[in-house]
Amino acid sequence: MSDSIHGHEVLRMMLASGTAYTKANLREEIVRRFGPHARFHTCSAQNLTADELIEFLEQRSKFQKTGDALLPDAARICADG
C-alpha cells in the first residue's frame, strides 16, 4: 500500500479484533494487515512507520495498558480520523 493510512484505522482494527496486543504482536498484525511498507498519519503527525505509530499512539494515551497488553481506548478515537 502506498497511500498513507490514518492511525485510527489501526485502533479500529484493534477494537474489531477484541484482542489485547503486546507492542510486538501489534506490529506484526499491522504489517500483516497493511503491508511491510505502509506509512501512517494522524491529525498531527505524518509518514510514520508501524513502530513509530505505536509509540505515537501510546504517548497520546490512545491505549489502555494492563502490564504489556495494549487495548485501544475507544473514547479516545476521534470521529474524523
PDB file of N, CA and C in Angstrom:
ATOM      1  N   MET A   1       0.850  -1.193   0.000  1.00  0.00           N
ATOM      2  CA  MET A   1       0.000   0.000   0.000  1.00  0.00           C
ATOM      3  C   MET A   1       0.881   1.236   0.000  1.00  0.00           C
ATOM      4  N   SER A   2       0.638   2.135  -0.908  1.00  0.00           N
ATOM      5  CA  SER A   2       1.462   3.327  -0.977  1.00  0.00           C
ATOM      6  C   SER A   2       0.778   4.529  -0.352  1.00  0.00           C
ATOM      7  N   ASP A   3      -0.515   4.493  -0.173  1.00  0.00           N
ATOM      8  CA  ASP A   3      -1.216   5.610   0.443  1.00  0.00           C
ATOM      9  C   ASP A   3      -1.028   5.587   1.945  1.00  0.00           C
ATOM     10  N   SER A   4      -0.988   6.757   2.529  1.00  0.00           N
ATOM     11  CA  SER A   4      -0.870   6.865   3.977  1.00  0.00           C
ATOM     12  C   SER A   4      -2.194   6.467   4.628  1.00  0.00           C
ATOM     13  N   ILE A   5      -2.086   5.743   5.711  1.00  0.00           N
ATOM     14  CA  ILE A   5      -3.252   5.222   6.429  1.00  0.00           C
ATOM     15  C   ILE A   5      -3.381   5.976   7.737  1.00  0.00           C
ATOM     16  N   HIS A   6      -4.595   6.419   8.055  1.00  0.00           N
ATOM     17  CA  HIS A   6      -4.786   7.141   9.312  1.00  0.00           C
ATOM     18  C   HIS A   6      -4.604   6.171  10.482  1.00  0.00           C
ATOM     19  N   GLY A   7      -3.940   6.628  11.522  1.00  0.00           N
ATOM     20  CA  GLY A   7      -3.684   5.811  12.700  1.00  0.00           C
ATOM     21  C   GLY A   7      -4.932   5.265  13.352  1.00  0.00           C
ATOM     22  N   HIS A   8      -6.046   5.952  13.178  1.00  0.00           N
ATOM     23  CA  HIS A   8      -7.287   5.457  13.778  1.00  0.00           C
ATOM     24  C   HIS A   8      -7.754   4.158  13.127  1.00  0.00           C
ATOM     25  N   GLU A   9      -7.297   3.877  11.900  1.00  0.00           N
ATOM     26  CA  GLU A   9      -7.608   2.595  11.275  1.00  0.00           C
ATOM     27  C   GLU A   9      -6.983   1.450  12.064  1.00  0.00           C
ATOM     28  N   VAL A  10      -5.815   1.692  12.614  1.00  0.00           N
ATOM     29  CA  VAL A  10      -5.166   0.684  13.458  1.00  0.00           C
ATOM     30  C   VAL A  10      -5.960   0.504  14.747  1.00  0.00           C
ATOM     31  N   LEU A  11      -6.397   1.602  15.338  1.00  0.00           N
ATOM     32  CA  LEU A  11      -7.201   1.499  16.563  1.00  0.00           C
ATOM     33  C   LEU A  11      -8.521   0.786  16.295  1.00  0.00           C
ATOM     34  N   ARG A  12      -9.130   1.078  15.160  1.00  0.00           N
ATOM     35  CA  ARG A  12     -10.387   0.398  14.806  1.00  0.00           C
ATOM     36  C   ARG A  12     -10.158  -1.096  14.554  1.00  0.00           C
ATOM     37  N   MET A  13      -9.029  -1.430  13.945  1.00  0.00           N
ATOM     38  CA  MET A  13      -8.670  -2.830  13.735  1.00  0.00           C
ATOM     39  C   MET A  13      -8.556  -3.539  15.080  1.00  0.00           C
ATOM     40  N   MET A  14      -7.912  -2.865  16.036  1.00  0.00           N
ATOM     41  CA  MET A  14      -7.753  -3.446  17.369  1.00  0.00           C
ATOM     42  C   MET A  14      -9.114  -3.635  18.035  1.00  0.00           C
ATOM     43  N   LEU A  15      -9.979  -2.641  17.935  1.00  0.00           N
ATOM     44  CA  LEU A  15     -11.317  -2.742  18.525  1.00  0.00           C
ATOM     45  C   LEU A  15     -12.089  -3.910  17.922  1.00  0.00           C
ATOM     46  N   ALA A  16     -12.038  -4.029  16.615  1.00  0.00           N
ATOM     47  CA  ALA A  16     -12.791  -5.081  15.927  1.00  0.00           C
ATOM     48  C   ALA A  16     -12.305  -6.471  16.309  1.00  0.00           C
ATOM     49  N   SER A  17     -11.015  -6.594  16.589  1.00  0.00           N
ATOM     50  CA  SER A  17     -10.466  -7.914  16.922  1.00  0.00           C
ATOM     51  C   SER A  17     -10.827  -8.344  18.339  1.00  0.00           C
ATOM     52  N   GLY A  18     -11.033  -7.361  19.234  1.00  0.00           N
ATOM     53  CA  GLY A  18     -11.309  -7.687  20.629  1.00  0.00           C
ATOM     54  C   GLY A  18     -10.120  -8.315  21.324  1.00  0.00           C
ATOM     55  N   THR A  19      -8.942  -8.167  20.751  1.00  0.00           N
ATOM     56  CA  THR A  19      -7.721  -8.783  21.259  1.00  0.00           C
ATOM     57  C   THR A  19      -6.844  -7.755  21.945  1.00  0.00           C
ATOM     58  N   ALA A  20      -6.212  -8.164  23.042  1.00  0.00           N
ATOM     59  CA  ALA A  20      -5.175  -7.341  23.658  1.00  0.00           C
ATOM     60  C   ALA A  20      -3.864  -7.684  22.961  1.00  0.00           C
ATOM     61  N   TYR A  21      -3.091  -6.682  22.620  1.00  0.00           N
ATOM     62  CA  TYR A  21      -1.849  -6.873  21.894  1.00  0.00           C
ATOM     63  C   TYR A  21      -0.662  -6.432  22.740  1.00  0.00           C
ATOM     64  N   THR A  22       0.469  -7.100  22.562  1.00  0.00           N
ATOM     65  CA  THR A  22       1.736  -6.539  23.011  1.00  0.00           C
ATOM     66  C   THR A  22       2.204  -5.632  21.879  1.00  0.00           C
ATOM     67  N   LYS A  23       3.196  -4.811  22.130  1.00  0.00           N
ATOM     68  CA  LYS A  23       3.713  -3.974  21.042  1.00  0.00           C
ATOM     69  C   LYS A  23       4.210  -4.842  19.892  1.00  0.00           C
ATOM     70  N   ALA A  24       4.865  -5.943  20.219  1.00  0.00           N
ATOM     71  CA  ALA A  24       5.427  -6.807  19.178  1.00  0.00           C
ATOM     72  C   ALA A  24       4.337  -7.441  18.323  1.00  0.00           C
ATOM     73  N   ASN A  25       3.300  -8.002  18.960  1.00  0.00           N
ATOM     74  CA  ASN A  25       2.297  -8.647  18.105  1.00  0.00           C
ATOM     75  C   ASN A  25       1.361  -7.629  17.463  1.00  0.00           C
ATOM     76  N   LEU A  26       1.247  -6.431  18.009  1.00  0.00           N
ATOM     77  CA  LEU A  26       0.508  -5.373  17.319  1.00  0.00           C
ATOM     78  C   LEU A  26       1.250  -4.986  16.050  1.00  0.00           C
ATOM     79  N   ARG A  27       2.557  -4.838  16.146  1.00  0.00           N
ATOM     80  CA  ARG A  27       3.345  -4.514  14.966  1.00  0.00           C
ATOM     81  C   ARG A  27       3.175  -5.609  13.912  1.00  0.00           C
ATOM     82  N   GLU A  28       3.244  -6.863  14.315  1.00  0.00           N
ATOM     83  CA  GLU A  28       3.065  -7.976  13.377  1.00  0.00           C
ATOM     84  C   GLU A  28       1.709  -7.913  12.686  1.00  0.00           C
ATOM     85  N   GLU A  29       0.662  -7.605  13.440  1.00  0.00           N
ATOM     86  CA  GLU A  29      -0.684  -7.535  12.867  1.00  0.00           C
ATOM     87  C   GLU A  29      -0.819  -6.339  11.923  1.00  0.00           C
ATOM     88  N   ILE A  30      -0.202  -5.215  12.275  1.00  0.00           N
ATOM     89  CA  ILE A  30      -0.224  -4.040  11.390  1.00  0.00           C
ATOM     90  C   ILE A  30       0.456  -4.384  10.069  1.00  0.00           C
ATOM     91  N   VAL A  31       1.605  -5.030  10.136  1.00  0.00           N
ATOM     92  CA  VAL A  31       2.339  -5.410   8.918  1.00  0.00           C
ATOM     93  C   VAL A  31       1.525  -6.408   8.104  1.00  0.00           C
ATOM     94  N   ARG A  32       0.904  -7.377   8.770  1.00  0.00           N
ATOM     95  CA  ARG A  32       0.092  -8.364   8.066  1.00  0.00           C
ATOM     96  C   ARG A  32      -1.080  -7.694   7.361  1.00  0.00           C
ATOM     97  N   ARG A  33      -1.728  -6.772   8.050  1.00  0.00           N
ATOM     98  CA  ARG A  33      -2.944  -6.149   7.508  1.00  0.00           C
ATOM     99  C   ARG A  33      -2.661  -5.067   6.465  1.00  0.00           C
ATOM    100  N   PHE A  34      -1.665  -4.225   6.742  1.00  0.00           N
ATOM    101  CA  PHE A  34      -1.434  -3.057   5.888  1.00  0.00           C
ATOM    102  C   PHE A  34      -0.185  -3.153   5.016  1.00  0.00           C
ATOM    103  N   GLY A  35       0.644  -4.145   5.264  1.00  0.00           N
ATOM    104  CA  GLY A  35       1.863  -4.344   4.466  1.00  0.00           C
ATOM    105  C   GLY A  35       3.098  -3.813   5.162  1.00  0.00           C
ATOM    106  N   PRO A  36       4.259  -4.364   4.811  1.00  0.00           N
ATOM    107  CA  PRO A  36       5.505  -4.005   5.493  1.00  0.00           C
ATOM    108  C   PRO A  36       5.998  -2.592   5.194  1.00  0.00           C
ATOM    109  N   HIS A  37       5.519  -1.998   4.119  1.00  0.00           N
ATOM    110  CA  HIS A  37       5.988  -0.659   3.741  1.00  0.00           C
ATOM    111  C   HIS A  37       4.936   0.419   3.976  1.00  0.00           C
ATOM    112  N   ALA A  38       3.864   0.071   4.648  1.00  0.00           N
ATOM    113  CA  ALA A  38       2.785   1.039   4.898  1.00  0.00           C
ATOM    114  C   ALA A  38       3.305   2.208   5.730  1.00  0.00           C
ATOM    115  N   ARG A  39       2.767   3.362   5.436  1.00  0.00           N
ATOM    116  CA  ARG A  39       3.051   4.578   6.203  1.00  0.00           C
ATOM    117  C   ARG A  39       1.734   5.066   6.775  1.00  0.00           C
ATOM    118  N   PHE A  40       1.840   5.731   7.914  1.00  0.00           N
ATOM    119  CA  PHE A  40       0.656   6.144   8.656  1.00  0.00           C
ATOM    120  C   PHE A  40       0.727   7.627   8.963  1.00  0.00           C
ATOM    121  N   HIS A  41      -0.439   8.203   9.170  1.00  0.00           N
ATOM    122  CA  HIS A  41      -0.523   9.599   9.594  1.00  0.00           C
ATOM    123  C   HIS A  41      -1.589   9.703  10.677  1.00  0.00           C
ATOM    124  N   THR A  42      -1.552  10.816  11.382  1.00  0.00           N
ATOM    125  CA  THR A  42      -2.567  11.164  12.377  1.00  0.00           C
ATOM    126  C   THR A  42      -2.925  12.616  12.133  1.00  0.00           C
ATOM    127  N   CYS A  43      -3.723  13.149  13.013  1.00  0.00           N
ATOM    128  CA  CYS A  43      -4.097  14.559  12.875  1.00  0.00           C
ATOM    129  C   CYS A  43      -2.890  15.483  13.035  1.00  0.00           C
ATOM    130  N   SER A  44      -1.821  14.995  13.701  1.00  0.00           N
ATOM    131  CA  SER A  44      -0.673  15.869  13.958  1.00  0.00           C
ATOM    132  C   SER A  44       0.678  15.267  13.570  1.00  0.00           C
ATOM    133  N   ALA A  45       0.713  14.128  12.905  1.00  0.00           N
ATOM    134  CA  ALA A  45       1.984  13.520  12.502  1.00  0.00           C
ATOM    135  C   ALA A  45       1.827  12.863  11.132  1.00  0.00           C
ATOM    136  N   GLN A  46       2.919  12.805  10.391  1.00  0.00           N
ATOM    137  CA  GLN A  46       2.901  12.259   9.029  1.00  0.00           C
ATOM    138  C   GLN A  46       4.028  11.256   8.840  1.00  0.00           C
ATOM    139  N   ASN A  47       3.869  10.377   7.855  1.00  0.00           N
ATOM    140  CA  ASN A  47       4.926   9.484   7.387  1.00  0.00           C
ATOM    141  C   ASN A  47       5.503   8.604   8.498  1.00  0.00           C
ATOM    142  N   LEU A  48       4.636   8.026   9.316  1.00  0.00           N
ATOM    143  CA  LEU A  48       5.070   7.183  10.427  1.00  0.00           C
ATOM    144  C   LEU A  48       5.167   5.721   9.985  1.00  0.00           C
ATOM    145  N   THR A  49       6.185   5.024  10.486  1.00  0.00           N
ATOM    146  CA  THR A  49       6.249   3.577  10.327  1.00  0.00           C
ATOM    147  C   THR A  49       5.302   2.953  11.341  1.00  0.00           C
ATOM    148  N   ALA A  50       5.113   1.641  11.263  1.00  0.00           N
ATOM    149  CA  ALA A  50       4.265   0.953  12.241  1.00  0.00           C
ATOM    150  C   ALA A  50       4.799   1.157  13.654  1.00  0.00           C
ATOM    151  N   ASP A  51       6.109   1.011  13.841  1.00  0.00           N
ATOM    152  CA  ASP A  51       6.699   1.193  15.173  1.00  0.00           C
ATOM    153  C   ASP A  51       6.521   2.624  15.673  1.00  0.00           C
ATOM    154  N   GLU A  52       6.732   3.588  14.791  1.00  0.00           N
ATOM    155  CA  GLU A  52       6.557   4.993  15.180  1.00  0.00           C
ATOM    156  C   GLU A  52       5.106   5.281  15.526  1.00  0.00           C
ATOM    157  N   LEU A  53       4.181   4.695  14.770  1.00  0.00           N
ATOM    158  CA  LEU A  53       2.761   4.899  15.058  1.00  0.00           C
ATOM    159  C   LEU A  53       2.395   4.334  16.427  1.00  0.00           C
ATOM    160  N   ILE A  54       2.861   3.141  16.737  1.00  0.00           N
ATOM    161  CA  ILE A  54       2.568   2.536  18.035  1.00  0.00           C
ATOM    162  C   ILE A  54       3.075   3.429  19.160  1.00  0.00           C
ATOM    163  N   GLU A  55       4.297   3.918  19.036  1.00  0.00           N
ATOM    164  CA  GLU A  55       4.857   4.812  20.056  1.00  0.00           C
ATOM    165  C   GLU A  55       4.051   6.105  20.156  1.00  0.00           C
ATOM    166  N   PHE A  56       3.693   6.662  18.999  1.00  0.00           N
ATOM    167  CA  PHE A  56       2.906   7.898  18.975  1.00  0.00           C
ATOM    168  C   PHE A  56       1.568   7.700  19.680  1.00  0.00           C
ATOM    169  N   LEU A  57       0.864   6.616  19.350  1.00  0.00           N
ATOM    170  CA  LEU A  57      -0.440   6.356  19.965  1.00  0.00           C
ATOM    171  C   LEU A  57      -0.308   6.127  21.461  1.00  0.00           C
ATOM    172  N   GLU A  58       0.754   5.449  21.859  1.00  0.00           N
ATOM    173  CA  GLU A  58       0.977   5.226  23.286  1.00  0.00           C
ATOM    174  C   GLU A  58       1.240   6.547  24.013  1.00  0.00           C
ATOM    175  N   GLN A  59       2.051   7.414  23.434  1.00  0.00           N
ATOM    176  CA  GLN A  59       2.344   8.713  24.033  1.00  0.00           C
ATOM    177  C   GLN A  59       1.101   9.584  24.138  1.00  0.00           C
ATOM    178  N   ARG A  60       0.153   9.399  23.227  1.00  0.00           N
ATOM    179  CA  ARG A  60      -1.082  10.191  23.227  1.00  0.00           C
ATOM    180  C   ARG A  60      -2.198   9.517  24.034  1.00  0.00           C
ATOM    181  N   SER A  61      -1.856   8.499  24.799  1.00  0.00           N
ATOM    182  CA  SER A  61      -2.807   7.774  25.671  1.00  0.00           C
ATOM    183  C   SER A  61      -3.990   7.203  24.896  1.00  0.00           C
ATOM    184  N   LYS A  62      -3.719   6.703  23.697  1.00  0.00           N
ATOM    185  CA  LYS A  62      -4.783   6.086  22.894  1.00  0.00           C
ATOM    186  C   LYS A  62      -5.006   4.624  23.273  1.00  0.00           C
ATOM    187  N   PHE A  63      -4.125   4.092  24.130  1.00  0.00           N
ATOM    188  CA  PHE A  63      -4.244   2.712  24.585  1.00  0.00           C
ATOM    189  C   PHE A  63      -4.563   2.672  26.073  1.00  0.00           C
ATOM    190  N   GLN A  64      -5.261   1.640  26.472  1.00  0.00           N
ATOM    191  CA  GLN A  64      -5.375   1.267  27.873  1.00  0.00           C
ATOM    192  C   GLN A  64      -4.355   0.157  28.061  1.00  0.00           C
ATOM    193  N   LYS A  65      -3.519   0.276  29.085  1.00  0.00           N
ATOM    194  CA  LYS A  65      -2.463  -0.710  29.286  1.00  0.00           C
ATOM    195  C   LYS A  65      -2.735  -1.534  30.536  1.00  0.00           C
ATOM    196  N   THR A  66      -2.510  -2.830  30.403  1.00  0.00           N
ATOM    197  CA  THR A  66      -2.537  -3.742  31.530  1.00  0.00           C
ATOM    198  C   THR A  66      -1.292  -4.603  31.392  1.00  0.00           C
ATOM    199  N   GLY A  67      -0.278  -4.313  32.191  1.00  0.00           N
ATOM    200  CA  GLY A  67       1.001  -4.993  32.009  1.00  0.00           C
ATOM    201  C   GLY A  67       1.538  -4.656  30.635  1.00  0.00           C
ATOM    202  N   ASP A  68       1.846  -5.689  29.848  1.00  0.00           N
ATOM    203  CA  ASP A  68       2.338  -5.493  28.482  1.00  0.00           C
ATOM    204  C   ASP A  68       1.213  -5.414  27.457  1.00  0.00           C
ATOM    205  N   ALA A  69      -0.014  -5.650  27.903  1.00  0.00           N
ATOM    206  CA  ALA A  69      -1.149  -5.697  26.983  1.00  0.00           C
ATOM    207  C   ALA A  69      -1.657  -4.298  26.657  1.00  0.00           C
ATOM    208  N   LEU A  70      -1.922  -4.073  25.379  1.00  0.00           N
ATOM    209  CA  LEU A  70      -2.473  -2.811  24.896  1.00  0.00           C
ATOM    210  C   LEU A  70      -3.865  -3.045  24.351  1.00  0.00           C
ATOM    211  N   LEU A  71      -4.797  -2.239  24.789  1.00  0.00           N
ATOM    212  CA  LEU A  71      -6.156  -2.236  24.249  1.00  0.00           C
ATOM    213  C   LEU A  71      -6.458  -0.816  23.796  1.00  0.00           C
ATOM    214  N   PRO A  72      -7.149  -0.650  22.693  1.00  0.00           N
ATOM    215  CA  PRO A  72      -7.472   0.710  22.264  1.00  0.00           C
ATOM    216  C   PRO A  72      -8.481   1.338  23.215  1.00  0.00           C
ATOM    217  N   ASP A  73      -8.317   2.614  23.470  1.00  0.00           N
ATOM    218  CA  ASP A  73      -9.276   3.349  24.283  1.00  0.00           C
ATOM    219  C   ASP A  73     -10.300   3.961  23.323  1.00  0.00           C
ATOM    220  N   ALA A  74     -11.449   3.318  23.194  1.00  0.00           N
ATOM    221  CA  ALA A  74     -12.475   3.730  22.218  1.00  0.00           C
ATOM    222  C   ALA A  74     -12.887   5.181  22.418  1.00  0.00           C
ATOM    223  N   ALA A  75     -12.869   5.672  23.625  1.00  0.00           N
ATOM    224  CA  ALA A  75     -13.262   7.045  23.903  1.00  0.00           C
ATOM    225  C   ALA A  75     -12.255   8.062  23.357  1.00  0.00           C
ATOM    226  N   ARG A  76     -11.057   7.582  23.011  1.00  0.00           N
ATOM    227  CA  ARG A  76     -10.004   8.495  22.539  1.00  0.00           C
ATOM    228  C   ARG A  76      -9.776   8.406  21.035  1.00  0.00           C
ATOM    229  N   ILE A  77     -10.718   7.804  20.316  1.00  0.00           N
ATOM    230  CA  ILE A  77     -10.639   7.755  18.853  1.00  0.00           C
ATOM    231  C   ILE A  77     -11.509   8.871  18.305  1.00  0.00           C
ATOM    232  N   CYS A  78     -10.891   9.820  17.605  1.00  0.00           N
ATOM    233  CA  CYS A  78     -11.625  10.964  17.062  1.00  0.00           C
ATOM    234  C   CYS A  78     -12.589  10.500  15.971  1.00  0.00           C
ATOM    235  N   ALA A  79     -13.707  11.145  15.868  1.00  0.00           N
ATOM    236  CA  ALA A  79     -14.719  10.795  14.869  1.00  0.00           C
ATOM    237  C   ALA A  79     -14.262  11.093  13.449  1.00  0.00           C
ATOM    238  N   ASP A  80     -13.373  12.072  13.283  1.00  0.00           N
ATOM    239  CA  ASP A  80     -12.975  12.468  11.931  1.00  0.00           C
ATOM    240  C   ASP A  80     -11.708  11.779  11.459  1.00  0.00           C
ATOM    241  N   GLY A  81     -11.188  10.841  12.237  1.00  0.00           N
ATOM    242  CA  GLY A  81      -9.932  10.206  11.823  1.00  0.00           C
ATOM    243  C   GLY A  81     -10.104   8.934  11.101  1.00  0.00           C
TER     244      GLY A  81
END
